Protein backbone atom coordinates (compact mmCIF):
# COMPACT_ATOMS: atom_id res chain seq x y z
CA UNK A 1 -36.64 6.74 -176.93
CA UNK A 2 -38.96 5.06 -179.39
CA UNK A 3 -42.73 5.48 -179.38
CA UNK A 4 -44.74 2.61 -180.79
CA UNK A 5 -48.16 3.01 -182.40
CA UNK A 6 -51.10 2.04 -180.23
CA UNK A 7 -53.93 0.00 -181.66
CA UNK A 8 -56.32 0.22 -178.72
CA UNK A 9 -59.32 2.47 -179.32
CA UNK A 10 -62.07 3.36 -176.86
CA UNK A 11 -65.26 4.54 -178.51
CA UNK A 12 -68.67 5.57 -177.37
CA UNK A 13 -71.49 6.74 -179.61
CA UNK A 14 -74.59 8.14 -179.60
CA UNK A 15 -67.28 29.24 -165.38
CA UNK A 16 -61.32 36.75 -157.49
CA UNK A 17 -59.73 34.15 -159.82
CA UNK A 18 -62.34 33.70 -162.47
CA UNK A 19 -60.88 36.54 -164.52
CA UNK A 20 -57.49 34.82 -164.45
CA UNK A 21 -58.94 31.54 -165.61
CA UNK A 22 -60.55 33.14 -168.62
CA UNK A 23 -57.27 34.96 -169.25
CA UNK A 24 -55.57 31.58 -169.28
CA UNK A 25 -57.87 29.91 -171.74
CA UNK A 26 -59.00 32.54 -174.14
CA UNK A 27 -55.51 33.32 -175.22
CA UNK A 28 -56.30 30.45 -177.53
CA UNK A 29 -58.27 32.74 -179.71
CA UNK A 30 -56.27 35.66 -181.24
CA UNK A 31 -55.71 36.29 -184.98
CA UNK A 32 -53.79 37.48 -188.10
CA UNK A 33 -54.01 37.81 -191.85
CA UNK A 34 -51.20 35.90 -193.53
CA UNK A 35 -49.97 32.35 -193.63
CA UNK A 36 -47.14 31.46 -191.27
CA UNK A 37 -44.26 29.07 -191.81
CA UNK A 38 -46.59 26.11 -192.01
CA UNK A 39 -48.10 24.95 -195.29
CA UNK A 40 -50.70 22.81 -193.52
CA UNK A 41 -53.58 25.13 -194.30
CA UNK A 42 -56.38 23.64 -196.33
CA UNK A 43 -58.28 25.83 -198.76
CA UNK A 44 -61.55 24.57 -197.33
CA UNK A 45 -60.58 23.56 -193.79
CA UNK A 46 -59.41 24.89 -190.42
CA UNK A 47 -56.37 22.94 -189.31
CA UNK A 48 -55.08 24.43 -186.06
CA UNK A 49 -55.47 27.15 -183.45
CA UNK A 50 -56.11 30.38 -185.35
CA UNK A 51 -55.61 28.32 -188.53
CA UNK A 52 -51.88 28.86 -188.16
CA UNK A 53 -52.40 32.63 -188.26
CA UNK A 54 -54.38 32.54 -191.51
CA UNK A 55 -57.81 33.75 -190.47
CA UNK A 56 -58.99 35.12 -193.83
CA UNK A 57 -61.53 32.94 -195.58
CA UNK A 58 -63.03 34.54 -198.68
CA UNK A 59 -65.83 32.95 -200.67
CA UNK A 60 -65.00 34.10 -204.17
CA UNK A 61 -68.25 32.68 -205.51
CA UNK A 62 -70.31 34.91 -203.19
CA UNK A 63 -68.64 38.33 -203.20
CA UNK A 64 -71.81 40.33 -202.50
CA UNK A 65 -73.23 38.31 -199.65
CA UNK A 66 -75.92 40.14 -197.65
CA UNK A 67 -74.78 39.62 -194.06
CA UNK A 68 -78.03 40.79 -192.43
CA UNK A 69 -79.70 37.75 -193.89
CA UNK A 70 -76.66 35.54 -194.42
CA UNK A 71 -76.33 33.35 -191.34
CA UNK A 72 -78.65 30.40 -191.27
CA UNK A 73 -78.34 27.95 -188.36
CA UNK A 74 -78.04 24.43 -189.73
CA UNK A 75 -77.56 22.47 -186.52
CA UNK A 76 -76.88 23.01 -182.84
CA UNK A 77 -75.63 20.22 -180.60
CA UNK A 78 -75.01 19.92 -176.87
CA UNK A 79 -71.52 18.42 -176.61
CA UNK A 80 -70.22 15.97 -174.07
CA UNK A 81 -68.15 17.27 -171.16
CA UNK A 82 -66.53 20.71 -171.46
CA UNK A 83 -63.84 22.17 -173.69
CA UNK A 84 -62.19 25.55 -174.30
CA UNK A 85 -60.24 24.65 -177.44
CA UNK A 86 -61.07 25.69 -180.98
CA UNK A 87 -62.99 23.33 -183.25
CA UNK A 88 -61.11 22.17 -186.33
CA UNK A 89 -62.41 21.14 -189.75
CA UNK A 90 -61.10 18.68 -192.30
CA UNK A 91 -63.32 17.80 -195.25
CA UNK A 92 -66.58 16.44 -193.79
CA UNK A 93 -65.32 16.27 -190.19
CA UNK A 94 -65.48 18.90 -187.46
CA UNK A 95 -63.40 18.04 -184.38
CA UNK A 96 -63.48 19.14 -180.74
CA UNK A 97 -61.55 18.09 -177.63
CA UNK A 98 -63.09 17.99 -174.16
CA UNK A 99 -62.73 16.70 -170.61
CA UNK A 100 -65.22 14.77 -168.51
CA UNK A 101 -65.83 14.41 -164.80
CA UNK A 102 -65.63 16.40 -161.57
CA UNK A 103 -61.85 15.92 -161.60
CA UNK A 104 -61.40 15.78 -165.36
CA UNK A 105 -61.03 12.02 -165.11
CA UNK A 106 -61.32 11.51 -168.85
CA UNK A 107 -59.91 13.31 -171.89
CA UNK A 108 -61.90 13.11 -175.10
CA UNK A 109 -61.71 13.80 -178.82
CA UNK A 110 -64.87 13.77 -180.95
CA UNK A 111 -65.51 13.95 -184.70
CA UNK A 112 -68.87 15.18 -186.02
CA UNK A 113 -70.36 15.11 -189.48
CA UNK A 114 -70.44 18.61 -190.96
CA UNK A 115 -73.72 18.00 -192.75
CA UNK A 116 -75.96 17.12 -189.81
CA UNK A 117 -73.81 17.33 -186.65
CA UNK A 118 -74.02 13.60 -186.05
CA UNK A 119 -71.29 12.07 -183.92
CA UNK A 120 -69.05 10.00 -186.18
CA UNK A 121 -66.60 8.67 -183.61
CA UNK A 122 -65.17 9.43 -180.22
CA UNK A 123 -62.01 8.54 -178.31
CA UNK A 124 -61.89 8.62 -174.50
CA UNK A 125 -58.68 8.22 -172.53
CA UNK A 126 -57.99 8.28 -168.78
CA UNK A 127 -56.49 11.54 -167.57
CA UNK A 128 -52.94 10.75 -166.38
CA UNK A 129 -53.15 13.47 -163.73
CA UNK A 130 -56.74 14.25 -162.69
CA UNK A 131 -57.41 17.67 -161.17
CA UNK A 132 -60.56 19.27 -159.81
CA UNK A 133 -62.55 20.81 -162.63
CA UNK A 134 -63.48 24.32 -161.53
CA UNK A 135 -63.29 27.94 -162.64
CA UNK A 136 -59.66 28.17 -161.54
CA UNK A 137 -58.22 25.71 -164.04
CA UNK A 138 -58.25 25.21 -167.79
CA UNK A 139 -60.41 22.49 -169.31
CA UNK A 140 -59.27 21.00 -172.63
CA UNK A 141 -57.80 24.40 -173.49
CA UNK A 142 -55.00 23.54 -175.97
CA UNK A 143 -56.32 23.31 -179.53
CA UNK A 144 -55.26 20.30 -181.62
CA UNK A 145 -53.67 20.28 -185.09
CA UNK A 146 -54.62 18.20 -188.10
CA UNK A 147 -53.66 17.40 -191.68
CA UNK A 148 -54.62 14.87 -194.33
CA UNK A 149 -53.26 12.00 -192.24
CA UNK A 150 -55.08 12.72 -189.01
CA UNK A 151 -55.25 14.81 -185.86
CA UNK A 152 -52.97 15.34 -182.84
CA UNK A 153 -54.43 16.52 -179.53
CA UNK A 154 -52.80 17.70 -176.27
CA UNK A 155 -54.45 17.97 -172.87
CA UNK A 156 -53.16 20.21 -170.08
CA UNK A 157 -52.32 17.25 -167.85
CA UNK A 158 -49.76 15.94 -170.35
CA UNK A 159 -51.72 13.42 -172.43
CA UNK A 160 -50.71 13.68 -176.09
CA UNK A 161 -52.05 11.38 -178.81
CA UNK A 162 -52.76 11.11 -182.52
CA UNK A 163 -55.64 9.51 -184.48
CA UNK A 164 -56.34 9.12 -188.15
CA UNK A 165 -59.59 10.50 -189.58
CA UNK A 166 -61.45 7.29 -188.85
CA UNK A 167 -60.61 7.51 -185.14
CA UNK A 168 -57.89 4.84 -185.13
CA UNK A 169 -55.14 5.64 -182.67
CA UNK A 170 -51.71 6.14 -184.24
CA UNK A 171 -49.59 6.83 -181.17
CA UNK A 172 -49.85 8.15 -177.63
CA UNK A 173 -47.55 9.72 -175.01
CA UNK A 174 -47.74 10.78 -171.37
CA UNK A 175 -45.54 13.87 -170.99
CA UNK A 176 -46.21 13.93 -167.27
CA UNK A 177 -44.62 10.52 -166.95
CA UNK A 178 -41.70 11.30 -169.26
CA UNK A 179 -40.62 14.71 -167.98
CA UNK A 180 -42.22 15.07 -164.56
CA UNK A 181 -45.44 16.54 -163.24
CA UNK A 182 -46.69 19.62 -165.08
CA UNK A 183 -47.05 22.02 -162.16
CA UNK A 184 -49.06 25.15 -162.89
CA UNK A 185 -51.42 27.40 -160.97
CA UNK A 186 -54.20 27.29 -163.51
CA UNK A 187 -53.29 24.73 -166.14
CA UNK A 188 -51.73 24.79 -169.59
CA UNK A 189 -53.41 26.69 -172.42
CA UNK A 190 -50.75 26.71 -175.17
CA UNK A 191 -52.09 25.10 -178.32
CA UNK A 192 -50.08 22.89 -180.65
CA UNK A 193 -48.28 24.37 -183.68
CA UNK A 194 -47.38 22.41 -186.81
CA UNK A 195 -45.54 22.26 -190.10
CA UNK A 196 -45.87 19.58 -192.77
CA UNK A 197 -44.17 16.80 -190.84
CA UNK A 198 -43.93 17.96 -187.25
CA UNK A 199 -45.82 19.33 -184.29
CA UNK A 200 -44.47 21.76 -181.69
CA UNK A 201 -45.48 21.34 -178.06
CA UNK A 202 -44.84 24.08 -175.47
CA UNK A 203 -45.16 23.15 -171.79
CA UNK A 204 -44.40 26.30 -169.78
CA UNK A 205 -44.65 24.70 -166.33
CA UNK A 206 -43.43 26.25 -163.05
CA UNK A 207 -40.33 24.07 -163.09
CA UNK A 208 -38.38 22.74 -166.06
CA UNK A 209 -40.48 24.29 -168.85
CA UNK A 210 -39.77 22.82 -172.27
CA UNK A 211 -40.56 22.82 -175.99
CA UNK A 212 -40.72 19.67 -178.12
CA UNK A 213 -40.52 19.11 -181.86
CA UNK A 214 -42.26 15.82 -182.60
CA UNK A 215 -42.62 13.69 -185.71
CA UNK A 216 -46.30 13.53 -186.65
CA UNK A 217 -46.16 9.96 -187.91
CA UNK A 218 -44.23 8.26 -185.10
CA UNK A 219 -44.77 10.56 -182.13
CA UNK A 220 -41.00 10.60 -181.46
CA UNK A 221 -38.95 13.65 -180.52
CA UNK A 222 -36.80 15.50 -183.02
CA UNK A 223 -35.51 17.82 -180.30
CA UNK A 224 -36.29 19.13 -176.83
CA UNK A 225 -35.46 22.71 -175.79
CA UNK A 226 -35.88 24.85 -172.68
CA UNK A 227 -38.98 27.01 -172.31
CA UNK A 228 -38.96 30.69 -171.36
CA UNK A 229 -39.09 30.34 -167.59
CA UNK A 230 -41.90 32.84 -167.31
CA UNK A 231 -45.69 32.83 -167.18
CA UNK A 232 -47.65 32.40 -170.36
CA UNK A 233 -50.93 31.20 -171.81
CA UNK A 234 -49.98 32.09 -175.38
CA UNK A 235 -49.25 29.53 -178.08
CA UNK A 236 -46.05 28.94 -180.08
CA UNK A 237 -46.16 30.42 -183.55
CA UNK A 238 -44.10 29.77 -186.70
CA UNK A 239 -42.93 33.10 -188.15
CA UNK A 240 -41.20 33.36 -191.56
CA UNK A 241 -37.93 35.32 -191.37
CA UNK A 242 -36.20 35.65 -194.74
CA UNK A 243 -35.65 32.13 -196.05
CA UNK A 244 -36.01 30.63 -192.55
CA UNK A 245 -38.82 30.03 -190.13
CA UNK A 246 -38.58 30.78 -186.41
CA UNK A 247 -40.69 29.27 -183.68
CA UNK A 248 -41.62 32.36 -181.66
CA UNK A 249 -42.58 32.07 -177.98
CA UNK A 250 -44.24 34.84 -175.97
CA UNK A 251 -44.41 34.97 -172.17
CA UNK A 252 -44.69 37.82 -169.69
CA UNK A 253 -41.72 40.17 -170.23
CA UNK A 254 -40.02 38.10 -172.91
CA UNK A 255 -40.09 36.92 -176.51
CA UNK A 256 -37.76 34.31 -177.98
CA UNK A 257 -37.18 32.76 -181.36
CA UNK A 258 -36.08 29.13 -181.75
CA UNK A 259 -34.37 27.48 -184.70
CA UNK A 260 -36.89 24.91 -185.90
CA UNK A 261 -34.10 22.61 -187.09
CA UNK A 262 -32.48 22.03 -183.70
CA UNK A 263 -34.33 24.06 -181.06
CA UNK A 264 -31.43 26.50 -180.50
CA UNK A 265 -32.43 29.92 -179.23
CA UNK A 266 -31.71 32.43 -182.00
CA UNK A 267 -32.72 35.62 -180.19
CA UNK A 268 -34.48 37.08 -177.15
CA UNK A 269 -36.40 40.33 -176.73
CA UNK A 270 -37.32 41.82 -173.34
CA UNK A 271 -38.60 45.31 -174.18
CA UNK A 272 -42.14 44.15 -173.63
CA UNK A 273 -44.55 43.61 -170.76
CA UNK A 274 -48.07 42.37 -170.23
CA UNK A 275 -47.75 39.77 -173.02
CA UNK A 276 -49.35 37.01 -170.97
CA UNK A 277 -51.87 35.69 -173.45
CA UNK A 278 -51.83 37.07 -177.04
CA UNK A 279 -50.05 34.89 -179.57
CA UNK A 280 -47.70 36.56 -182.12
CA UNK A 281 -49.51 36.86 -185.45
CA UNK A 282 -47.45 36.68 -188.69
CA UNK A 283 -47.54 39.53 -191.20
CA UNK A 284 -44.75 38.34 -193.51
CA UNK A 285 -41.15 39.52 -194.02
CA UNK A 286 -40.21 38.81 -190.41
CA UNK A 287 -42.98 41.01 -189.01
CA UNK A 288 -45.76 40.07 -186.63
CA UNK A 289 -48.51 41.76 -184.68
CA UNK A 290 -48.02 41.68 -180.92
CA UNK A 291 -50.66 42.21 -178.29
CA UNK A 292 -50.32 42.79 -174.55
CA UNK A 293 -52.76 43.53 -171.79
CA UNK A 294 -52.80 45.69 -168.65
CA UNK A 295 -51.91 44.32 -165.24
CA UNK A 296 -50.29 41.05 -166.33
CA UNK A 297 -46.59 41.46 -165.64
CA UNK A 298 -46.49 45.09 -166.67
CA UNK A 299 -43.16 46.39 -165.44
CA UNK A 300 -44.56 49.80 -164.52
CA UNK A 301 -41.93 51.67 -166.52
CA UNK A 302 -43.96 51.92 -169.70
CA UNK A 303 -47.60 52.20 -170.66
CA UNK A 304 -49.34 48.94 -171.46
CA UNK A 305 -50.11 50.25 -174.93
CA UNK A 306 -46.36 50.50 -175.69
CA UNK A 307 -46.18 46.71 -175.90
CA UNK A 308 -48.89 46.54 -178.56
CA UNK A 309 -47.92 47.03 -182.17
CA UNK A 310 -45.81 45.51 -184.94
CA UNK A 311 -42.47 43.80 -184.23
CA UNK A 312 -39.86 42.99 -186.87
CA UNK A 313 -37.17 40.29 -186.83
CA UNK A 314 -34.25 41.19 -189.14
CA UNK A 315 -31.24 39.02 -190.02
CA UNK A 316 -27.84 40.67 -189.49
CA UNK A 317 -24.29 39.31 -189.79
CA UNK A 318 -24.06 38.44 -186.09
CA UNK A 319 -27.56 37.03 -185.78
CA UNK A 320 -30.85 38.92 -185.57
CA UNK A 321 -32.24 42.23 -184.42
CA UNK A 322 -35.73 42.46 -182.97
CA UNK A 323 -37.52 45.80 -182.59
CA UNK A 324 -40.90 47.51 -182.76
CA UNK A 325 -41.81 49.00 -186.12
CA UNK A 326 -44.55 50.99 -184.38
CA UNK A 327 -46.31 50.98 -181.01
CA UNK A 328 -49.84 51.86 -180.02
CA UNK A 329 -50.56 55.02 -178.01
CA UNK A 330 -53.88 53.90 -176.48
CA UNK A 331 -54.79 50.45 -177.67
CA UNK A 332 -54.17 47.35 -175.60
CA UNK A 333 -55.20 43.76 -176.03
CA UNK A 334 -56.94 41.30 -173.80
CA UNK A 335 -57.25 37.55 -174.02
CA UNK A 336 -56.96 37.36 -177.80
CA UNK A 337 -54.38 38.57 -180.29
CA UNK A 338 -54.62 41.56 -182.65
CA UNK A 339 -55.67 41.03 -186.26
CA UNK A 340 -54.80 42.70 -189.54
CA UNK A 341 -56.69 42.89 -192.81
CA UNK A 342 -56.56 45.26 -195.80
CA UNK A 343 -53.74 47.32 -194.19
CA UNK A 344 -55.69 47.87 -190.95
CA UNK A 345 -54.72 46.32 -187.60
CA UNK A 346 -57.39 45.69 -184.97
CA UNK A 347 -56.92 45.42 -181.18
CA UNK A 348 -59.66 44.67 -178.62
CA UNK A 349 -59.02 45.60 -174.97
CA UNK A 350 -60.34 44.11 -171.73
CA UNK A 351 -63.48 46.23 -171.73
CA UNK A 352 -64.42 45.39 -175.30
CA UNK A 353 -63.13 48.56 -176.99
CA UNK A 354 -62.02 47.92 -180.56
CA UNK A 355 -59.09 50.03 -181.82
CA UNK A 356 -58.23 50.20 -185.52
CA UNK A 357 -54.73 51.26 -186.66
CA UNK A 358 -53.09 51.81 -190.02
CA UNK A 359 -50.92 48.72 -190.40
CA UNK A 360 -48.06 50.59 -192.10
CA UNK A 361 -47.74 53.71 -189.92
CA UNK A 362 -49.50 52.64 -186.72
CA UNK A 363 -51.78 55.70 -186.81
CA UNK A 364 -55.00 55.16 -184.86
CA UNK A 365 -57.98 55.29 -187.18
CA UNK A 366 -60.89 54.83 -184.76
CA UNK A 367 -62.10 53.24 -181.54
CA UNK A 368 -65.51 51.73 -180.93
CA UNK A 369 -67.14 49.65 -178.19
CA UNK A 370 -68.20 46.14 -179.14
CA UNK A 371 -71.11 44.19 -177.73
CA UNK A 372 -68.92 42.79 -174.93
CA UNK A 373 -65.35 41.82 -174.20
CA UNK A 374 -63.98 39.17 -176.51
CA UNK A 375 -62.25 35.95 -175.66
CA UNK A 376 -62.38 34.25 -179.06
CA UNK A 377 -60.64 34.79 -182.38
CA UNK A 378 -62.08 37.28 -184.86
CA UNK A 379 -62.06 36.05 -188.44
CA UNK A 380 -62.35 37.62 -191.90
CA UNK A 381 -64.88 36.44 -194.46
CA UNK A 382 -66.22 38.08 -197.60
CA UNK A 383 -64.80 41.51 -196.79
CA UNK A 384 -66.10 41.69 -193.23
CA UNK A 385 -64.64 40.99 -189.79
CA UNK A 386 -66.58 38.71 -187.49
CA UNK A 387 -66.02 39.39 -183.77
CA UNK A 388 -67.20 36.48 -181.60
CA UNK A 389 -67.97 38.31 -178.35
CA UNK A 390 -67.87 36.66 -174.94
CA UNK A 391 -71.60 37.11 -174.37
CA UNK A 392 -72.49 34.99 -177.39
CA UNK A 393 -72.86 37.84 -179.89
CA UNK A 394 -71.41 37.57 -183.36
CA UNK A 395 -70.71 41.21 -184.24
CA UNK A 396 -69.94 41.78 -187.92
CA UNK A 397 -68.24 44.96 -189.18
CA UNK A 398 -67.04 46.07 -192.59
CA UNK A 399 -63.31 45.92 -193.17
CA UNK A 400 -61.86 49.38 -193.68
CA UNK A 401 -60.68 52.62 -192.11
CA UNK A 402 -64.05 53.61 -190.65
CA UNK A 403 -66.28 51.67 -188.28
CA UNK A 404 -69.41 50.33 -189.89
CA UNK A 405 -71.47 47.61 -188.27
CA UNK A 406 -73.09 45.24 -190.73
CA UNK A 407 -75.02 42.83 -188.50
CA UNK A 408 -75.29 41.19 -185.08
CA UNK A 409 -76.40 37.66 -184.21
CA UNK A 410 -77.02 36.06 -180.82
CA UNK A 411 -75.68 32.52 -180.61
CA UNK A 412 -77.66 32.03 -177.40
CA UNK A 413 -80.06 34.12 -175.35
CA UNK A 414 -78.54 35.85 -172.31
CA UNK A 415 -80.77 36.41 -169.29
CA UNK A 416 -80.78 40.02 -168.01
CA UNK A 417 -79.18 40.65 -164.58
CA UNK A 418 -81.39 40.80 -161.50
CA UNK A 419 -82.80 44.18 -160.44
CA UNK A 420 -80.13 46.33 -158.80
CA UNK A 421 -77.28 44.13 -159.99
CA UNK A 422 -74.88 44.46 -162.86
CA UNK A 423 -74.03 41.69 -165.29
CA UNK A 424 -72.35 38.64 -163.80
CA UNK A 425 -68.77 37.85 -164.80
CA UNK A 426 -69.55 34.17 -164.93
CA UNK A 427 -71.93 32.37 -167.19
CA UNK A 428 -71.46 30.87 -170.63
CA UNK A 429 -68.49 31.94 -172.74
CA UNK A 430 -68.08 31.93 -176.51
CA UNK A 431 -64.63 30.40 -176.89
CA UNK A 432 -64.15 30.12 -180.65
CA UNK A 433 -65.55 30.77 -184.10
CA UNK A 434 -64.05 29.40 -187.30
CA UNK A 435 -64.95 29.66 -190.99
CA UNK A 436 -64.85 26.65 -193.26
CA UNK A 437 -66.95 24.92 -195.91
CA UNK A 438 -68.97 28.13 -196.48
CA UNK A 439 -70.03 27.92 -192.83
CA UNK A 440 -69.28 29.34 -189.42
CA UNK A 441 -68.70 26.91 -186.57
CA UNK A 442 -69.13 28.46 -183.12
CA UNK A 443 -68.11 26.83 -179.84
CA UNK A 444 -69.18 27.33 -176.25
CA UNK A 445 -67.78 24.99 -173.60
CA UNK A 446 -70.79 22.69 -173.92
CA UNK A 447 -72.24 23.71 -177.30
CA UNK A 448 -71.29 23.51 -180.99
CA UNK A 449 -73.28 25.40 -183.67
CA UNK A 450 -72.98 25.46 -187.44
CA UNK A 451 -74.23 28.49 -189.42
CA UNK A 452 -74.49 28.22 -193.17
CA UNK A 453 -73.56 31.26 -195.22
CA UNK A 454 -76.47 31.65 -197.63
């Protein structure tokens, strides 16, 4: 099948199942320390969900930044509609995707100027399969990918399109129409993955789940492969293994590695449970950090912590072996993935407890409660880790083998609970924080903020 470029452009200028919903969407925001199999990582940009697993952004010209006075808000804008995806940055553009309407009738992509937050352009497309927009379903949850030629965005109802950096449409597809209705309980949350010339789309629907490798320029398929046949809200991740790269998929009770050349399944691993949302995070040499939570598909035969740790893929004569290098004794994950920096791995559980482990041995170094649970992706900048907490707190700690808090910032003010009542589960959620252009960009569903690093 051939996909022809589309020239039409529509422009306009100038939150019980709630827990499960957040589980679905915040899986978009885990993290790691090294580059993956993709080379599409700009030195001064943020090009995909979790930046392809490369969440370290050091400013070599400001090594001794004073974090207690370092974050200066430059602009704060109320964004159109609602979105749970990560913002992306390319040069002077910051991008977000969103949906509009009581039934998500429209899918949107917007580009803002980094300097002043002004809307540069916007594309709105009809949703091919509208669905009531409520706390039970995802809302613009998959994060796009971009490179020097433009951006590709996926919406959970099957709309997939690409634009250049001026907003001109390059191509568009309706996966719902091509492969059948995407039936899910709570929507799709898997973000796009990319290499230099291709994007990888994972649609883990109830029936006929599939993975696509698509040419960025034409929008045409290179191959189509079967999905896992399980439940997942994680994203596909390119993992270097020797001189090859595997596309690793993680769903409850199963991991699988696909050959990126033809989509063939190279290996499967089932000694895991609770891996509903964390995305595998590359460490190099066939190793990746794996997170898993409690209660989500745990098989009851092992502790939830046993599924958290470092996994290694090793080539052998008959194929590949996959095994844990080490496993946690207490630490579990939640909606996001574990992170590693300076030979320390960090896991955050459902109650907001941070666990630090020696990355080589797996020995637990410390545990400490954060400001709140965390549904976004922690990032590393100038020797510190920035934890974007659910309640809108940016909690900054020193990297290292002991816990040391450096600073805390409130992105928005949270009203205290009523007398006699505990904090509400609902309310605004901090979905993502990224670091680019010597700035932090922070996203709530209806808010985008830029902080300048002084």
